[in-house]
Each structure stands twice: as C-alpha cells, then as structure tokens.
C-alpha cells in the first residue's frame, strides 16, 4: 500500500515558531548586531553624536521643560550643519537618538532641518515608544533587546548628550559612564554633556559620591554640565573633531 506523500518540512530560517523560540534567542541577538552594522555600512555611518532625553518632553515653549525640546533641536541642527560642511566623508557625524518622541524627536528634527540623514534606534515598548517622523527611513531601526540597542548607541559615538529624562535616560547615561570609567569603552576621551545643570545637580549629587569615596574625584571629569546650545556646541565640536581623527586612523 502506497504511503501518503509527507509534506516537506520547513527550512529552519523560514520557521517563525523556531525563530521566536527560547532556543533561537542567540540568532535573534546576532541579527540585532548584524542588521544595524550592514545598514550603517551602506549609509557611510562611522561616527555619531547620541542624544538621550525624555520621551515625555513636549515642544510647548510655554511649559517648564519645553525649552529643552528646542535646545535639543537647535543643538542637533548646529552639529549636523557643521558636519555637512566637512569634506571628508569618513568625518561625517550623524545625529543618533532612541527614535521616539520628546527629546529624541527634537534631535532628529534638528538634523533633518539641516538636510542630513538622522538615525533612530527604537525599542519595542508597551507605551510611549514609536518612531518619530524625522528619522531617515533607511536608518530607522527597531530593537527587541535593550543591550543590543545600547551597544549601537555607544559603538560609533563620538559624543553623548543627556537632556533631562527619566529612568531610561538615567539608565543610558549611567551605563555609559560606567563603561567609560571601567575602561570597557576604548574611547576614554568620549565627551559627555549633561544639559541642564540645575536639573542634573538636583537629581544626582555627583560631588557627594566623590566625597564619600564611592567614585574617584577624577570621575567627575567624565562629563560636563552645559546650559546653552552655544556652550554645548563650543565644548563638543573640538573634542568630536579630535576623537574622529583618532578613530579614522584605525578604520
């Protein structure tokens, strides 16, 4: 008696049940490394300036926090406009954010106003996070794993700018500071700006941490407080230029 012909089994990389399984987690993690790397390579992205900040800050100029939205927009515009004038493609600086609303939208918006491509590294969250309309489509990415997203925040960064924010902003800032402090990031001279002195000093008593011996006094030099776009821009640009040249020499 002839046996009924069996259906062909699915190829593993076409099997969504398998790819979404616990056993396939390493494959999903690797994909969140390789896909961004390919996209960055195709678009000539070697250097970024990363903006951190709250998704909840709106563009309302009359609100207490609204000025930070427009400061982020203007600072990103200034950095992108400066980058646009650079003659060497390898020196180009791309504005990168977490891709959502608030401060992230403002920074992407500023770079877009300058006519430059801009990066959004989104994360799947139950609320708040959705891609803002100012991200370049080819550089609009979404992650499932926070740690892979954080890797790409830091991997190509030549400066970090932290505007006021909540848990997510603090998480990103302090992980970055920890990696630099412990020399896990080779770019030990990576400039970090904390924008909004009053906000940051009320939120975190960095000096007390040093006074109590919880961090070294020199750890206070890992970041700089800034309150205006001009101050932040003037501090960042020469340091970005220097770090970019150092990195380009080993690309």
Protein backbone atom coordinates (compact mmCIF):
# COMPACT_ATOMS: atom_id res chain seq x y z
CA UNK A 1 0.00 0.00 0.00
CA UNK A 2 1.43 3.37 -1.03
CA UNK A 3 2.16 5.76 1.79
CA UNK A 4 0.78 9.26 1.58
CA UNK A 5 3.46 11.68 0.50
CA UNK A 6 4.63 13.70 3.51
CA UNK A 7 4.64 17.47 3.48
CA UNK A 8 8.11 18.96 3.11
CA UNK A 9 9.47 20.15 6.45
CA UNK A 10 10.12 23.87 6.74
CA UNK A 11 13.66 25.17 6.45
CA UNK A 12 14.75 26.40 9.91
CA UNK A 13 15.32 30.01 8.85
CA UNK A 14 11.77 30.08 7.44
CA UNK A 15 10.28 28.60 10.61
CA UNK A 16 8.93 31.55 12.61
CA UNK A 17 7.92 29.34 15.52
CA UNK A 18 11.54 28.25 15.82
CA UNK A 19 12.99 31.76 15.33
CA UNK A 20 10.76 33.09 18.10
CA UNK A 21 11.60 30.25 20.47
CA UNK A 22 13.83 30.38 23.52
CA UNK A 23 16.36 28.13 21.77
CA UNK A 24 16.75 30.60 18.89
CA UNK A 25 17.46 33.60 21.13
CA UNK A 26 21.17 33.70 20.12
CA UNK A 27 20.10 34.02 16.48
CA UNK A 28 17.82 36.95 17.33
CA UNK A 29 20.58 38.66 19.31
CA UNK A 30 23.08 38.23 16.47
CA UNK A 31 20.56 39.63 13.99
CA UNK A 32 20.33 42.81 16.08
CA UNK A 33 24.09 43.14 15.73
CA UNK A 34 24.47 42.33 12.04
CA UNK A 35 21.47 44.20 10.58
CA UNK A 36 22.43 47.61 12.03
CA UNK A 37 26.06 47.06 11.06
CA UNK A 38 25.05 46.39 7.44
CA UNK A 39 22.76 49.42 7.34
CA UNK A 40 25.37 51.72 8.82
CA UNK A 41 27.98 50.48 6.36
CA UNK A 42 25.67 51.03 3.38
CA UNK A 43 24.96 54.59 4.51
CA UNK A 44 28.54 55.53 5.38
CA UNK A 45 27.88 55.87 9.09
CA UNK A 46 31.12 55.71 11.07
CA UNK A 47 30.58 58.45 13.65
CA UNK A 48 27.55 59.53 15.66
CA UNK A 49 26.56 62.05 18.29
CA UNK A 50 23.93 60.50 20.54
CA UNK A 51 21.13 62.46 22.19
CA UNK A 52 19.48 60.99 25.28
CA UNK A 53 16.42 62.50 26.97
CA UNK A 54 12.80 62.10 27.94
CA UNK A 55 10.14 60.93 25.51
CA UNK A 56 7.64 62.99 27.55
CA UNK A 57 9.07 66.47 26.96
CA UNK A 58 6.84 68.29 24.50
CA UNK A 59 7.56 71.13 22.09
CA UNK A 60 5.42 73.56 24.09
CA UNK A 61 7.63 76.62 24.53
CA UNK A 62 5.49 77.83 27.42
CA UNK A 63 5.98 74.71 29.56
CA UNK A 64 8.70 74.42 32.18
CA UNK A 65 10.50 71.66 30.28
CA UNK A 66 9.59 72.74 26.77
CA UNK A 67 12.76 74.77 26.28
CA UNK A 68 14.80 71.59 26.38
CA UNK A 69 12.97 70.31 23.30
CA UNK A 70 14.00 73.36 21.32
CA UNK A 71 17.53 73.41 22.73
CA UNK A 72 17.95 69.79 21.61
CA UNK A 73 16.54 70.63 18.18
CA UNK A 74 18.89 73.58 17.74
CA UNK A 75 21.97 71.76 19.04
CA UNK A 76 21.34 68.84 16.68
CA UNK A 77 20.82 71.31 13.83
CA UNK A 78 24.11 73.03 14.61
CA UNK A 79 26.06 69.78 14.82
CA UNK A 80 24.52 68.40 11.62
CA UNK A 81 25.13 71.70 9.79
CA UNK A 82 28.77 71.64 10.87
CA UNK A 83 29.10 68.01 9.75
CA UNK A 84 27.53 68.84 6.40
CA UNK A 85 30.44 71.15 5.58
CA UNK A 86 33.11 68.50 6.21
CA UNK A 87 34.89 67.50 3.02
CA UNK A 88 35.96 64.00 4.05
CA UNK A 89 33.08 61.51 4.07
CA UNK A 90 34.76 59.48 6.83
CA UNK A 91 34.50 62.53 9.10
CA UNK A 92 30.72 62.86 8.80
CA UNK A 93 28.82 62.98 12.08
CA UNK A 94 25.29 61.56 12.22
CA UNK A 95 22.80 62.57 14.89
CA UNK A 96 21.51 59.43 16.61
CA UNK A 97 18.64 59.07 19.08
CA UNK A 98 16.42 56.42 20.61
CA UNK A 99 13.97 57.18 17.83
CA UNK A 100 10.94 58.08 19.90
CA UNK A 101 9.11 61.32 20.74
CA UNK A 102 10.20 64.15 23.04
CA UNK A 103 13.91 64.97 23.13
CA UNK A 104 14.60 62.16 20.66
CA UNK A 105 12.20 63.68 18.14
CA UNK A 106 13.72 67.12 18.71
CA UNK A 107 17.25 65.96 17.90
CA UNK A 108 16.18 64.02 14.81
CA UNK A 109 14.16 67.06 13.78
CA UNK A 110 17.15 69.37 14.08
CA UNK A 111 19.38 67.14 11.98
CA UNK A 112 16.61 66.75 9.41
CA UNK A 113 16.25 70.55 9.26
CA UNK A 114 19.94 70.71 8.39
CA UNK A 115 19.25 68.39 5.46
CA UNK A 116 21.26 65.50 6.87
CA UNK A 117 20.41 61.85 7.43
CA UNK A 118 19.49 61.04 11.00
CA UNK A 119 19.36 57.79 12.98
CA UNK A 120 16.63 56.39 15.23
CA UNK A 121 17.26 53.26 17.31
CA UNK A 122 13.81 52.34 18.52
CA UNK A 123 12.91 49.72 21.12
CA UNK A 124 9.73 47.67 21.44
CA UNK A 125 7.88 49.02 24.48
CA UNK A 126 4.26 48.77 25.68
CA UNK A 127 3.80 52.56 25.51
CA UNK A 128 5.46 55.87 24.60
CA UNK A 129 7.91 54.49 22.06
CA UNK A 130 7.08 54.94 18.41
CA UNK A 131 9.30 56.19 15.58
CA UNK A 132 9.21 59.93 15.14
CA UNK A 133 8.73 61.31 11.61
CA UNK A 134 12.19 62.92 11.35
CA UNK A 135 14.25 59.72 11.18
CA UNK A 136 15.74 58.84 7.80
CA UNK A 137 13.82 55.72 6.65
CA UNK A 138 16.98 53.78 5.82
CA UNK A 139 18.34 54.47 9.33
CA UNK A 140 15.11 53.80 11.23
CA UNK A 141 15.70 50.62 13.25
CA UNK A 142 13.81 48.74 15.94
CA UNK A 143 15.30 46.53 18.62
CA UNK A 144 13.87 43.94 20.96
CA UNK A 145 16.92 43.70 23.24
CA UNK A 146 17.91 46.77 25.23
CA UNK A 147 21.53 45.68 25.44
CA UNK A 148 21.92 45.44 21.67
CA UNK A 149 20.39 48.88 21.27
CA UNK A 150 22.80 50.27 23.87
CA UNK A 151 25.73 48.67 22.05
CA UNK A 152 24.86 50.66 18.93
CA UNK A 153 24.39 53.85 20.92
CA UNK A 154 27.99 53.63 22.07
CA UNK A 155 29.82 51.72 19.35
CA UNK A 156 30.15 54.62 16.90
CA UNK A 157 29.50 57.55 19.20
CA UNK A 158 31.90 60.47 19.36
CA UNK A 159 29.82 62.35 21.94
CA UNK A 160 26.85 61.76 24.23
CA UNK A 161 24.41 64.50 25.19
CA UNK A 162 21.99 63.78 28.03
CA UNK A 163 18.99 66.09 28.32
CA UNK A 164 16.57 65.80 31.26
CA UNK A 165 14.84 62.44 31.36
CA UNK A 166 13.50 59.63 33.47
CA UNK A 167 14.52 56.04 34.16
CA UNK A 168 15.50 55.30 30.57
CA UNK A 169 17.72 58.37 30.26
CA UNK A 170 19.38 57.65 33.61
CA UNK A 171 19.94 54.04 32.61
CA UNK A 172 21.61 55.05 29.34
CA UNK A 173 23.72 57.75 30.96
CA UNK A 174 24.97 55.71 33.90
CA UNK A 175 25.72 52.63 31.84
CA UNK A 176 27.77 54.84 29.51
CA UNK A 177 29.61 56.44 32.44
CA UNK A 178 30.28 53.02 33.97
CA UNK A 179 31.71 51.60 30.74
CA UNK A 180 33.99 54.62 30.32
CA UNK A 181 35.01 54.65 33.99
CA UNK A 182 35.93 50.95 33.86
CA UNK A 183 37.70 51.38 30.51
CA UNK A 184 35.39 48.98 28.72
CA UNK A 185 34.98 51.68 26.07
CA UNK A 186 38.29 52.31 24.34
CA UNK A 187 37.28 55.92 23.65
CA UNK A 188 38.18 57.08 27.15
CA UNK A 189 38.00 60.69 25.98
CA UNK A 190 34.40 60.37 24.77
CA UNK A 191 32.80 63.72 25.67
CA UNK A 192 29.57 63.63 27.65
CA UNK A 193 27.37 66.69 28.15
CA UNK A 194 24.69 66.88 30.84
CA UNK A 195 22.37 69.55 29.51
CA UNK A 196 20.54 71.49 32.20
CA UNK A 197 22.82 72.00 35.21
CA UNK A 198 20.05 72.69 37.69
CA UNK A 199 18.11 69.57 36.71
CA UNK A 200 21.11 67.25 36.91
CA UNK A 201 22.58 68.65 40.13
CA UNK A 202 19.23 68.42 41.90
CA UNK A 203 18.69 64.90 40.62
CA UNK A 204 22.15 63.43 41.32
CA UNK A 205 24.66 64.61 43.90
CA UNK A 206 27.78 63.59 41.99
CA UNK A 207 30.07 65.51 44.37
CA UNK A 208 28.78 63.57 47.37
CA UNK A 209 29.58 60.32 45.59
CA UNK A 210 33.17 61.51 45.26
CA UNK A 211 33.32 62.92 48.82
CA UNK A 212 32.19 59.56 50.21
CA UNK A 213 34.77 57.69 48.14
CA UNK A 214 32.13 55.93 46.05
CA UNK A 215 33.73 57.26 42.87
CA UNK A 216 37.14 58.79 42.31
CA UNK A 217 37.46 62.60 42.13
CA UNK A 218 38.65 62.28 38.53
CA UNK A 219 35.39 60.53 37.65
CA UNK A 220 33.71 63.93 37.94
CA UNK A 221 35.64 64.98 34.82
CA UNK A 222 33.91 62.33 32.68
CA UNK A 223 31.10 64.78 31.93
CA UNK A 224 30.42 68.49 31.63
CA UNK A 225 27.34 70.47 32.62
CA UNK A 226 26.01 72.85 29.96
CA UNK A 227 23.04 75.18 29.92
CA UNK A 228 23.01 76.73 26.45
CA UNK A 229 23.32 75.48 22.90
CA UNK A 230 26.37 77.71 22.34
CA UNK A 231 28.12 76.34 25.43
CA UNK A 232 27.47 72.72 24.48
CA UNK A 233 28.41 73.26 20.83
CA UNK A 234 31.67 75.04 21.66
CA UNK A 235 32.62 72.31 24.13
CA UNK A 236 31.75 69.38 21.86
CA UNK A 237 32.99 70.29 18.39
CA UNK A 238 36.77 70.36 19.05
CA UNK A 239 36.52 67.15 21.06
CA UNK A 240 34.45 65.42 18.37
CA UNK A 241 36.98 66.52 15.75
CA UNK A 242 39.89 65.15 17.77
CA UNK A 243 38.23 61.84 18.56
CA UNK A 244 37.06 61.38 14.97
CA UNK A 245 40.60 61.82 13.66
CA UNK A 246 41.94 59.32 16.19
CA UNK A 247 39.32 56.72 15.23
CA UNK A 248 39.72 57.34 11.48
CA UNK A 249 43.41 56.49 11.78
CA UNK A 250 42.47 52.91 12.70
CA UNK A 251 39.38 52.41 10.50
